[in-house]
mmCIF file of all heavy atoms, coordinates in Angstrom:
data_MODEL
# 
_entry.id   MODEL 
# 
loop_
_atom_site.group_PDB 
_atom_site.id 
_atom_site.type_symbol 
_atom_site.label_atom_id 
_atom_site.label_alt_id 
_atom_site.label_comp_id 
_atom_site.label_asym_id 
_atom_site.label_entity_id 
_atom_site.label_seq_id 
_atom_site.pdbx_PDB_ins_code 
_atom_site.Cartn_x 
_atom_site.Cartn_y 
_atom_site.Cartn_z 
_atom_site.occupancy 
_atom_site.B_iso_or_equiv 
_atom_site.pdbx_formal_charge 
_atom_site.auth_seq_id 
_atom_site.auth_comp_id 
_atom_site.auth_asym_id 
_atom_site.auth_atom_id 
_atom_site.pdbx_PDB_model_num 
ATOM 1   N N   . LEU A 1 1  ? -8.021  -0.111  1.481   1.00 0.00 ? 1  LEU A N   1 
ATOM 2   C CA  . LEU A 1 1  ? -8.968  0.886   1.987   1.00 0.00 ? 1  LEU A CA  1 
ATOM 3   C C   . LEU A 1 1  ? -8.744  2.241   1.330   1.00 0.00 ? 1  LEU A C   1 
ATOM 4   O O   . LEU A 1 1  ? -9.695  3.000   1.108   1.00 0.00 ? 1  LEU A O   1 
ATOM 5   C CB  . LEU A 1 1  ? -8.844  1.001   3.507   1.00 0.00 ? 1  LEU A CB  1 
ATOM 6   C CG  . LEU A 1 1  ? -9.392  -0.183  4.317   1.00 0.00 ? 1  LEU A CG  1 
ATOM 7   C CD1 . LEU A 1 1  ? -8.990  -0.065  5.780   1.00 0.00 ? 1  LEU A CD1 1 
ATOM 8   C CD2 . LEU A 1 1  ? -10.907 -0.279  4.179   1.00 0.00 ? 1  LEU A CD2 1 
ATOM 9   N N   . HIS A 1 2  ? -7.493  2.568   1.031   1.00 0.00 ? 2  HIS A N   1 
ATOM 10  C CA  . HIS A 1 2  ? -7.187  3.828   0.357   1.00 0.00 ? 2  HIS A CA  1 
ATOM 11  C C   . HIS A 1 2  ? -7.468  3.754   -1.150  1.00 0.00 ? 2  HIS A C   1 
ATOM 12  O O   . HIS A 1 2  ? -7.699  4.788   -1.787  1.00 0.00 ? 2  HIS A O   1 
ATOM 13  C CB  . HIS A 1 2  ? -5.715  4.214   0.586   1.00 0.00 ? 2  HIS A CB  1 
ATOM 14  C CG  . HIS A 1 2  ? -5.472  4.875   1.896   1.00 0.00 ? 2  HIS A CG  1 
ATOM 15  N ND1 . HIS A 1 2  ? -5.426  4.179   3.090   1.00 0.00 ? 2  HIS A ND1 1 
ATOM 16  C CD2 . HIS A 1 2  ? -5.267  6.183   2.229   1.00 0.00 ? 2  HIS A CD2 1 
ATOM 17  C CE1 . HIS A 1 2  ? -5.188  5.015   4.093   1.00 0.00 ? 2  HIS A CE1 1 
ATOM 18  N NE2 . HIS A 1 2  ? -5.098  6.240   3.594   1.00 0.00 ? 2  HIS A NE2 1 
ATOM 19  N N   . ASN A 1 3  ? -7.427  2.541   -1.704  1.00 0.00 ? 3  ASN A N   1 
ATOM 20  C CA  . ASN A 1 3  ? -7.650  2.344   -3.139  1.00 0.00 ? 3  ASN A CA  1 
ATOM 21  C C   . ASN A 1 3  ? -8.577  1.141   -3.348  1.00 0.00 ? 3  ASN A C   1 
ATOM 22  O O   . ASN A 1 3  ? -8.142  0.095   -3.836  1.00 0.00 ? 3  ASN A O   1 
ATOM 23  C CB  . ASN A 1 3  ? -6.323  2.099   -3.876  1.00 0.00 ? 3  ASN A CB  1 
ATOM 24  C CG  . ASN A 1 3  ? -5.320  3.209   -3.647  1.00 0.00 ? 3  ASN A CG  1 
ATOM 25  O OD1 . ASN A 1 3  ? -5.277  4.180   -4.381  1.00 0.00 ? 3  ASN A OD1 1 
ATOM 26  N ND2 . ASN A 1 3  ? -4.499  3.045   -2.610  1.00 0.00 ? 3  ASN A ND2 1 
ATOM 27  N N   . PRO A 1 4  ? -9.851  1.266   -2.949  1.00 0.00 ? 4  PRO A N   1 
ATOM 28  C CA  . PRO A 1 4  ? -10.741 0.097   -2.948  1.00 0.00 ? 4  PRO A CA  1 
ATOM 29  C C   . PRO A 1 4  ? -11.049 -0.477  -4.325  1.00 0.00 ? 4  PRO A C   1 
ATOM 30  O O   . PRO A 1 4  ? -11.361 -1.657  -4.436  1.00 0.00 ? 4  PRO A O   1 
ATOM 31  C CB  . PRO A 1 4  ? -12.022 0.635   -2.286  1.00 0.00 ? 4  PRO A CB  1 
ATOM 32  C CG  . PRO A 1 4  ? -11.963 2.112   -2.501  1.00 0.00 ? 4  PRO A CG  1 
ATOM 33  C CD  . PRO A 1 4  ? -10.517 2.466   -2.448  1.00 0.00 ? 4  PRO A CD  1 
ATOM 34  N N   . VAL A 1 5  ? -10.938 0.321   -5.378  1.00 0.00 ? 5  VAL A N   1 
ATOM 35  C CA  . VAL A 1 5  ? -11.305 -0.150  -6.710  1.00 0.00 ? 5  VAL A CA  1 
ATOM 36  C C   . VAL A 1 5  ? -10.132 -0.806  -7.430  1.00 0.00 ? 5  VAL A C   1 
ATOM 37  O O   . VAL A 1 5  ? -10.277 -1.879  -8.027  1.00 0.00 ? 5  VAL A O   1 
ATOM 38  C CB  . VAL A 1 5  ? -11.864 1.007   -7.566  1.00 0.00 ? 5  VAL A CB  1 
ATOM 39  C CG1 . VAL A 1 5  ? -12.195 0.513   -8.980  1.00 0.00 ? 5  VAL A CG1 1 
ATOM 40  C CG2 . VAL A 1 5  ? -13.104 1.595   -6.913  1.00 0.00 ? 5  VAL A CG2 1 
ATOM 41  N N   . LEU A 1 6  ? -8.944  -0.199  -7.353  1.00 0.00 ? 6  LEU A N   1 
ATOM 42  C CA  . LEU A 1 6  ? -7.808  -0.697  -8.124  1.00 0.00 ? 6  LEU A CA  1 
ATOM 43  C C   . LEU A 1 6  ? -6.631  -1.171  -7.281  1.00 0.00 ? 6  LEU A C   1 
ATOM 44  O O   . LEU A 1 6  ? -5.724  -1.817  -7.803  1.00 0.00 ? 6  LEU A O   1 
ATOM 45  C CB  . LEU A 1 6  ? -7.314  0.388   -9.093  1.00 0.00 ? 6  LEU A CB  1 
ATOM 46  C CG  . LEU A 1 6  ? -8.304  0.814   -10.179 1.00 0.00 ? 6  LEU A CG  1 
ATOM 47  C CD1 . LEU A 1 6  ? -7.714  1.936   -11.023 1.00 0.00 ? 6  LEU A CD1 1 
ATOM 48  C CD2 . LEU A 1 6  ? -8.688  -0.368  -11.062 1.00 0.00 ? 6  LEU A CD2 1 
ATOM 49  N N   . GLY A 1 7  ? -6.589  -0.888  -6.010  1.00 0.00 ? 7  GLY A N   1 
ATOM 50  C CA  . GLY A 1 7  ? -5.457  -1.295  -5.190  1.00 0.00 ? 7  GLY A CA  1 
ATOM 51  C C   . GLY A 1 7  ? -4.206  -0.503  -5.520  1.00 0.00 ? 7  GLY A C   1 
ATOM 52  O O   . GLY A 1 7  ? -4.259  0.557   -6.149  1.00 0.00 ? 7  GLY A O   1 
ATOM 53  N N   . GLY A 1 8  ? -3.064  -1.037  -5.117  1.00 0.00 ? 8  GLY A N   1 
ATOM 54  C CA  . GLY A 1 8  ? -1.808  -0.310  -5.282  1.00 0.00 ? 8  GLY A CA  1 
ATOM 55  C C   . GLY A 1 8  ? -0.902  -0.825  -6.367  1.00 0.00 ? 8  GLY A C   1 
ATOM 56  O O   . GLY A 1 8  ? 0.211   -0.330  -6.534  1.00 0.00 ? 8  GLY A O   1 
ATOM 57  N N   . GLY A 1 9  ? -1.344  -1.838  -7.137  1.00 0.00 ? 9  GLY A N   1 
ATOM 58  C CA  . GLY A 1 9  ? -0.483  -2.435  -8.154  1.00 0.00 ? 9  GLY A CA  1 
ATOM 59  C C   . GLY A 1 9  ? 0.154   -3.712  -7.635  1.00 0.00 ? 9  GLY A C   1 
ATOM 60  O O   . GLY A 1 9  ? 0.133   -4.001  -6.434  1.00 0.00 ? 9  GLY A O   1 
ATOM 61  N N   . PHE A 1 10 ? 0.735   -4.485  -8.520  1.00 0.00 ? 10 PHE A N   1 
ATOM 62  C CA  . PHE A 1 10 ? 1.278   -5.795  -8.157  1.00 0.00 ? 10 PHE A CA  1 
ATOM 63  C C   . PHE A 1 10 ? 2.399   -5.672  -7.117  1.00 0.00 ? 10 PHE A C   1 
ATOM 64  O O   . PHE A 1 10 ? 3.369   -4.948  -7.324  1.00 0.00 ? 10 PHE A O   1 
ATOM 65  C CB  . PHE A 1 10 ? 1.790   -6.525  -9.403  1.00 0.00 ? 10 PHE A CB  1 
ATOM 66  C CG  . PHE A 1 10 ? 0.690   -7.051  -10.262 1.00 0.00 ? 10 PHE A CG  1 
ATOM 67  C CD1 . PHE A 1 10 ? 0.078   -6.232  -11.210 1.00 0.00 ? 10 PHE A CD1 1 
ATOM 68  C CD2 . PHE A 1 10 ? 0.225   -8.343  -10.122 1.00 0.00 ? 10 PHE A CD2 1 
ATOM 69  C CE1 . PHE A 1 10 ? -0.959  -6.709  -12.008 1.00 0.00 ? 10 PHE A CE1 1 
ATOM 70  C CE2 . PHE A 1 10 ? -0.811  -8.832  -10.904 1.00 0.00 ? 10 PHE A CE2 1 
ATOM 71  C CZ  . PHE A 1 10 ? -1.410  -8.010  -11.848 1.00 0.00 ? 10 PHE A CZ  1 
ATOM 72  N N   . HIS A 1 11 ? 2.201   -6.389  -6.010  1.00 0.00 ? 11 HIS A N   1 
ATOM 73  C CA  . HIS A 1 11 ? 3.142   -6.404  -4.875  1.00 0.00 ? 11 HIS A CA  1 
ATOM 74  C C   . HIS A 1 11 ? 3.396   -4.995  -4.339  1.00 0.00 ? 11 HIS A C   1 
ATOM 75  O O   . HIS A 1 11 ? 4.529   -4.635  -4.021  1.00 0.00 ? 11 HIS A O   1 
ATOM 76  C CB  . HIS A 1 11 ? 4.457   -7.083  -5.271  1.00 0.00 ? 11 HIS A CB  1 
ATOM 77  C CG  . HIS A 1 11 ? 4.369   -8.580  -5.246  1.00 0.00 ? 11 HIS A CG  1 
ATOM 78  N ND1 . HIS A 1 11 ? 5.438   -9.397  -5.020  1.00 0.00 ? 11 HIS A ND1 1 
ATOM 79  C CD2 . HIS A 1 11 ? 3.313   -9.411  -5.417  1.00 0.00 ? 11 HIS A CD2 1 
ATOM 80  C CE1 . HIS A 1 11 ? 5.056   -10.662 -5.060  1.00 0.00 ? 11 HIS A CE1 1 
ATOM 81  N NE2 . HIS A 1 11 ? 3.769   -10.697 -5.298  1.00 0.00 ? 11 HIS A NE2 1 
ATOM 82  N N   . ALA A 1 12 ? 2.322   -4.232  -4.226  1.00 0.00 ? 12 ALA A N   1 
ATOM 83  C CA  . ALA A 1 12 ? 2.442   -2.867  -3.712  1.00 0.00 ? 12 ALA A CA  1 
ATOM 84  C C   . ALA A 1 12 ? 2.996   -2.847  -2.296  1.00 0.00 ? 12 ALA A C   1 
ATOM 85  O O   . ALA A 1 12 ? 3.801   -1.980  -1.935  1.00 0.00 ? 12 ALA A O   1 
ATOM 86  C CB  . ALA A 1 12 ? 1.075   -2.184  -3.748  1.00 0.00 ? 12 ALA A CB  1 
ATOM 87  N N   . VAL A 1 13 ? 2.586   -3.825  -1.474  1.00 0.00 ? 13 VAL A N   1 
ATOM 88  C CA  . VAL A 1 13 ? 3.033   -3.844  -0.081  1.00 0.00 ? 13 VAL A CA  1 
ATOM 89  C C   . VAL A 1 13 ? 4.537   -4.076  0.020   1.00 0.00 ? 13 VAL A C   1 
ATOM 90  O O   . VAL A 1 13 ? 5.168   -3.690  1.020   1.00 0.00 ? 13 VAL A O   1 
ATOM 91  C CB  . VAL A 1 13 ? 2.262   -4.930  0.716   1.00 0.00 ? 13 VAL A CB  1 
ATOM 92  C CG1 . VAL A 1 13 ? 2.690   -6.327  0.283   1.00 0.00 ? 13 VAL A CG1 1 
ATOM 93  C CG2 . VAL A 1 13 ? 2.439   -4.750  2.215   1.00 0.00 ? 13 VAL A CG2 1 
ATOM 94  N N   . ALA A 1 14 ? 5.134   -4.682  -1.016  1.00 0.00 ? 14 ALA A N   1 
ATOM 95  C CA  . ALA A 1 14 ? 6.576   -4.942  -1.025  1.00 0.00 ? 14 ALA A CA  1 
ATOM 96  C C   . ALA A 1 14 ? 7.354   -3.799  -1.671  1.00 0.00 ? 14 ALA A C   1 
ATOM 97  O O   . ALA A 1 14 ? 8.483   -3.995  -2.123  1.00 0.00 ? 14 ALA A O   1 
ATOM 98  C CB  . ALA A 1 14 ? 6.869   -6.250  -1.744  1.00 0.00 ? 14 ALA A CB  1 
ATOM 99  N N   . THR A 1 15 ? 6.753   -2.637  -1.733  1.00 0.00 ? 15 THR A N   1 
ATOM 100 C CA  . THR A 1 15 ? 7.409   -1.430  -2.246  1.00 0.00 ? 15 THR A CA  1 
ATOM 101 C C   . THR A 1 15 ? 7.745   -0.522  -1.071  1.00 0.00 ? 15 THR A C   1 
ATOM 102 O O   . THR A 1 15 ? 6.852   -0.165  -0.299  1.00 0.00 ? 15 THR A O   1 
ATOM 103 C CB  . THR A 1 15 ? 6.483   -0.695  -3.233  1.00 0.00 ? 15 THR A CB  1 
ATOM 104 O OG1 . THR A 1 15 ? 6.133   -1.586  -4.299  1.00 0.00 ? 15 THR A OG1 1 
ATOM 105 C CG2 . THR A 1 15 ? 7.160   0.540   -3.796  1.00 0.00 ? 15 THR A CG2 1 
ATOM 106 N N   . GLN A 1 16 ? 8.988   -0.156  -0.914  1.00 0.00 ? 16 GLN A N   1 
ATOM 107 C CA  . GLN A 1 16 ? 9.420   0.573   0.273   1.00 0.00 ? 16 GLN A CA  1 
ATOM 108 C C   . GLN A 1 16 ? 8.681   1.897   0.452   1.00 0.00 ? 16 GLN A C   1 
ATOM 109 O O   . GLN A 1 16 ? 8.257   2.231   1.566   1.00 0.00 ? 16 GLN A O   1 
ATOM 110 C CB  . GLN A 1 16 ? 10.930  0.840   0.205   1.00 0.00 ? 16 GLN A CB  1 
ATOM 111 C CG  . GLN A 1 16 ? 11.512  1.409   1.493   1.00 0.00 ? 16 GLN A CG  1 
ATOM 112 C CD  . GLN A 1 16 ? 11.376  0.448   2.673   1.00 0.00 ? 16 GLN A CD  1 
ATOM 113 O OE1 . GLN A 1 16 ? 11.827  -0.690  2.609   1.00 0.00 ? 16 GLN A OE1 1 
ATOM 114 N NE2 . GLN A 1 16 ? 10.740  0.897   3.744   1.00 0.00 ? 16 GLN A NE2 1 
ATOM 115 N N   . SER A 1 17 ? 8.490   2.642   -0.627  1.00 0.00 ? 17 SER A N   1 
ATOM 116 C CA  . SER A 1 17 ? 7.808   3.933   -0.498  1.00 0.00 ? 17 SER A CA  1 
ATOM 117 C C   . SER A 1 17 ? 6.352   3.763   -0.067  1.00 0.00 ? 17 SER A C   1 
ATOM 118 O O   . SER A 1 17 ? 5.823   4.572   0.712   1.00 0.00 ? 17 SER A O   1 
ATOM 119 C CB  . SER A 1 17 ? 7.875   4.697   -1.829  1.00 0.00 ? 17 SER A CB  1 
ATOM 120 O OG  . SER A 1 17 ? 7.282   3.942   -2.879  1.00 0.00 ? 17 SER A OG  1 
ATOM 121 N N   . VAL A 1 18 ? 5.712   2.707   -0.558  1.00 0.00 ? 18 VAL A N   1 
ATOM 122 C CA  . VAL A 1 18 ? 4.331   2.428   -0.156  1.00 0.00 ? 18 VAL A CA  1 
ATOM 123 C C   . VAL A 1 18 ? 4.289   1.980   1.295   1.00 0.00 ? 18 VAL A C   1 
ATOM 124 O O   . VAL A 1 18 ? 3.419   2.398   2.075   1.00 0.00 ? 18 VAL A O   1 
ATOM 125 C CB  . VAL A 1 18 ? 3.712   1.358   -1.079  1.00 0.00 ? 18 VAL A CB  1 
ATOM 126 C CG1 . VAL A 1 18 ? 2.293   1.010   -0.628  1.00 0.00 ? 18 VAL A CG1 1 
ATOM 127 C CG2 . VAL A 1 18 ? 3.712   1.827   -2.522  1.00 0.00 ? 18 VAL A CG2 1 
ATOM 128 N N   . TRP A 1 19 ? 5.229   1.133   1.657   1.00 0.00 ? 19 TRP A N   1 
ATOM 129 C CA  . TRP A 1 19 ? 5.303   0.663   3.044   1.00 0.00 ? 19 TRP A CA  1 
ATOM 130 C C   . TRP A 1 19 ? 5.509   1.838   4.007   1.00 0.00 ? 19 TRP A C   1 
ATOM 131 O O   . TRP A 1 19 ? 4.860   1.922   5.058   1.00 0.00 ? 19 TRP A O   1 
ATOM 132 C CB  . TRP A 1 19 ? 6.421   -0.354  3.188   1.00 0.00 ? 19 TRP A CB  1 
ATOM 133 C CG  . TRP A 1 19 ? 6.538   -0.942  4.564   1.00 0.00 ? 19 TRP A CG  1 
ATOM 134 C CD1 . TRP A 1 19 ? 7.275   -0.466  5.610   1.00 0.00 ? 19 TRP A CD1 1 
ATOM 135 C CD2 . TRP A 1 19 ? 5.868   -2.119  5.051   1.00 0.00 ? 19 TRP A CD2 1 
ATOM 136 N NE1 . TRP A 1 19 ? 7.114   -1.267  6.714   1.00 0.00 ? 19 TRP A NE1 1 
ATOM 137 C CE2 . TRP A 1 19 ? 6.272   -2.287  6.403   1.00 0.00 ? 19 TRP A CE2 1 
ATOM 138 C CE3 . TRP A 1 19 ? 5.008   -3.050  4.482   1.00 0.00 ? 19 TRP A CE3 1 
ATOM 139 C CZ2 . TRP A 1 19 ? 5.817   -3.342  7.182   1.00 0.00 ? 19 TRP A CZ2 1 
ATOM 140 C CZ3 . TRP A 1 19 ? 4.553   -4.105  5.255   1.00 0.00 ? 19 TRP A CZ3 1 
ATOM 141 C CH2 . TRP A 1 19 ? 4.947   -4.243  6.584   1.00 0.00 ? 19 TRP A CH2 1 
ATOM 142 N N   . ASP A 1 20 ? 6.405   2.728   3.638   1.00 0.00 ? 20 ASP A N   1 
ATOM 143 C CA  . ASP A 1 20 ? 6.678   3.888   4.500   1.00 0.00 ? 20 ASP A CA  1 
ATOM 144 C C   . ASP A 1 20 ? 5.435   4.750   4.673   1.00 0.00 ? 20 ASP A C   1 
ATOM 145 O O   . ASP A 1 20 ? 5.231   5.351   5.739   1.00 0.00 ? 20 ASP A O   1 
ATOM 146 C CB  . ASP A 1 20 ? 7.801   4.738   3.899   1.00 0.00 ? 20 ASP A CB  1 
ATOM 147 C CG  . ASP A 1 20 ? 9.149   4.043   3.968   1.00 0.00 ? 20 ASP A CG  1 
ATOM 148 O OD1 . ASP A 1 20 ? 9.307   3.143   4.811   1.00 0.00 ? 20 ASP A OD1 1 
ATOM 149 O OD2 . ASP A 1 20 ? 10.048  4.383   3.170   1.00 0.00 ? 20 ASP A OD2 1 
ATOM 150 N N   . ARG A 1 21 ? 4.608   4.796   3.653   1.00 0.00 ? 21 ARG A N   1 
ATOM 151 C CA  . ARG A 1 21 ? 3.399   5.629   3.706   1.00 0.00 ? 21 ARG A CA  1 
ATOM 152 C C   . ARG A 1 21 ? 2.339   5.046   4.632   1.00 0.00 ? 21 ARG A C   1 
ATOM 153 O O   . ARG A 1 21 ? 1.628   5.795   5.327   1.00 0.00 ? 21 ARG A O   1 
ATOM 154 C CB  . ARG A 1 21 ? 2.833   5.787   2.291   1.00 0.00 ? 21 ARG A CB  1 
ATOM 155 C CG  . ARG A 1 21 ? 1.549   6.590   2.219   1.00 0.00 ? 21 ARG A CG  1 
ATOM 156 C CD  . ARG A 1 21 ? 1.100   6.744   0.776   1.00 0.00 ? 21 ARG A CD  1 
ATOM 157 N NE  . ARG A 1 21 ? -0.185  7.426   0.694   1.00 0.00 ? 21 ARG A NE  1 
ATOM 158 C CZ  . ARG A 1 21 ? -0.813  7.705   -0.445  1.00 0.00 ? 21 ARG A CZ  1 
ATOM 159 N NH1 . ARG A 1 21 ? -0.241  7.383   -1.599  1.00 0.00 ? 21 ARG A NH1 1 
ATOM 160 N NH2 . ARG A 1 21 ? -1.983  8.310   -0.438  1.00 0.00 ? 21 ARG A NH2 1 
ATOM 161 N N   . PHE A 1 22 ? 2.221   3.718   4.673   1.00 0.00 ? 22 PHE A N   1 
ATOM 162 C CA  . PHE A 1 22 ? 1.112   3.099   5.402   1.00 0.00 ? 22 PHE A CA  1 
ATOM 163 C C   . PHE A 1 22 ? 1.530   2.292   6.634   1.00 0.00 ? 22 PHE A C   1 
ATOM 164 O O   . PHE A 1 22 ? 0.664   1.783   7.339   1.00 0.00 ? 22 PHE A O   1 
ATOM 165 C CB  . PHE A 1 22 ? 0.332   2.172   4.455   1.00 0.00 ? 22 PHE A CB  1 
ATOM 166 C CG  . PHE A 1 22 ? -0.311  2.880   3.309   1.00 0.00 ? 22 PHE A CG  1 
ATOM 167 C CD1 . PHE A 1 22 ? 0.108   2.652   2.009   1.00 0.00 ? 22 PHE A CD1 1 
ATOM 168 C CD2 . PHE A 1 22 ? -1.337  3.786   3.529   1.00 0.00 ? 22 PHE A CD2 1 
ATOM 169 C CE1 . PHE A 1 22 ? -0.486  3.303   0.942   1.00 0.00 ? 22 PHE A CE1 1 
ATOM 170 C CE2 . PHE A 1 22 ? -1.944  4.445   2.466   1.00 0.00 ? 22 PHE A CE2 1 
ATOM 171 C CZ  . PHE A 1 22 ? -1.514  4.206   1.168   1.00 0.00 ? 22 PHE A CZ  1 
ATOM 172 N N   . LYS A 1 23 ? 2.816   2.166   6.890   1.00 0.00 ? 23 LYS A N   1 
ATOM 173 C CA  . LYS A 1 23 ? 3.253   1.343   8.029   1.00 0.00 ? 23 LYS A CA  1 
ATOM 174 C C   . LYS A 1 23 ? 2.690   1.886   9.348   1.00 0.00 ? 23 LYS A C   1 
ATOM 175 O O   . LYS A 1 23 ? 2.518   3.089   9.518   1.00 0.00 ? 23 LYS A O   1 
ATOM 176 C CB  . LYS A 1 23 ? 4.784   1.297   8.088   1.00 0.00 ? 23 LYS A CB  1 
ATOM 177 C CG  . LYS A 1 23 ? 5.431   2.640   8.410   1.00 0.00 ? 23 LYS A CG  1 
ATOM 178 C CD  . LYS A 1 23 ? 6.946   2.522   8.426   1.00 0.00 ? 23 LYS A CD  1 
ATOM 179 C CE  . LYS A 1 23 ? 7.604   3.862   8.751   1.00 0.00 ? 23 LYS A CE  1 
ATOM 180 N NZ  . LYS A 1 23 ? 9.078   3.773   8.730   1.00 0.00 ? 23 LYS A NZ  1 
ATOM 181 N N   . GLY A 1 24 ? 2.409   0.966   10.240  1.00 0.00 ? 24 GLY A N   1 
ATOM 182 C CA  . GLY A 1 24 ? 1.864   1.338   11.537  1.00 0.00 ? 24 GLY A CA  1 
ATOM 183 C C   . GLY A 1 24 ? 0.360   1.440   11.568  1.00 0.00 ? 24 GLY A C   1 
ATOM 184 O O   . GLY A 1 24 ? -0.246  1.426   12.647  1.00 0.00 ? 24 GLY A O   1 
ATOM 185 N N   . GLN A 1 25 ? -0.282  1.534   10.395  1.00 0.00 ? 25 GLN A N   1 
ATOM 186 C CA  . GLN A 1 25 ? -1.741  1.572   10.334  1.00 0.00 ? 25 GLN A CA  1 
ATOM 187 C C   . GLN A 1 25 ? -2.288  0.144   10.303  1.00 0.00 ? 25 GLN A C   1 
ATOM 188 O O   . GLN A 1 25 ? -1.694  -0.735  9.686   1.00 0.00 ? 25 GLN A O   1 
ATOM 189 C CB  . GLN A 1 25 ? -2.193  2.348   9.099   1.00 0.00 ? 25 GLN A CB  1 
ATOM 190 C CG  . GLN A 1 25 ? -1.682  3.790   9.049   1.00 0.00 ? 25 GLN A CG  1 
ATOM 191 C CD  . GLN A 1 25 ? -2.146  4.525   7.818   1.00 0.00 ? 25 GLN A CD  1 
ATOM 192 O OE1 . GLN A 1 25 ? -3.321  4.447   7.438   1.00 0.00 ? 25 GLN A OE1 1 
ATOM 193 N NE2 . GLN A 1 25 ? -1.234  5.254   7.168   1.00 0.00 ? 25 GLN A NE2 1 
ATOM 194 N N   . LYS A 1 26 ? -3.417  -0.086  10.939  1.00 0.00 ? 26 LYS A N   1 
ATOM 195 C CA  . LYS A 1 26 ? -3.901  -1.451  11.128  1.00 0.00 ? 26 LYS A CA  1 
ATOM 196 C C   . LYS A 1 26 ? -5.014  -1.859  10.162  1.00 0.00 ? 26 LYS A C   1 
ATOM 197 O O   . LYS A 1 26 ? -5.299  -3.045  10.014  1.00 0.00 ? 26 LYS A O   1 
ATOM 198 C CB  . LYS A 1 26 ? -4.373  -1.637  12.568  1.00 0.00 ? 26 LYS A CB  1 
ATOM 199 C CG  . LYS A 1 26 ? -3.242  -1.461  13.584  1.00 0.00 ? 26 LYS A CG  1 
ATOM 200 C CD  . LYS A 1 26 ? -3.705  -1.731  14.989  1.00 0.00 ? 26 LYS A CD  1 
ATOM 201 C CE  . LYS A 1 26 ? -2.555  -1.588  15.986  1.00 0.00 ? 26 LYS A CE  1 
ATOM 202 N NZ  . LYS A 1 26 ? -2.979  -1.873  17.376  1.00 0.00 ? 26 LYS A NZ  1 
# 
């Protein structure tokens, strides 16, 4: 939703800094 065109890169969700930024949001 924050990056609808390109996403966050390969395995972005498994990146701690990315997780810390978006955790808790549904």
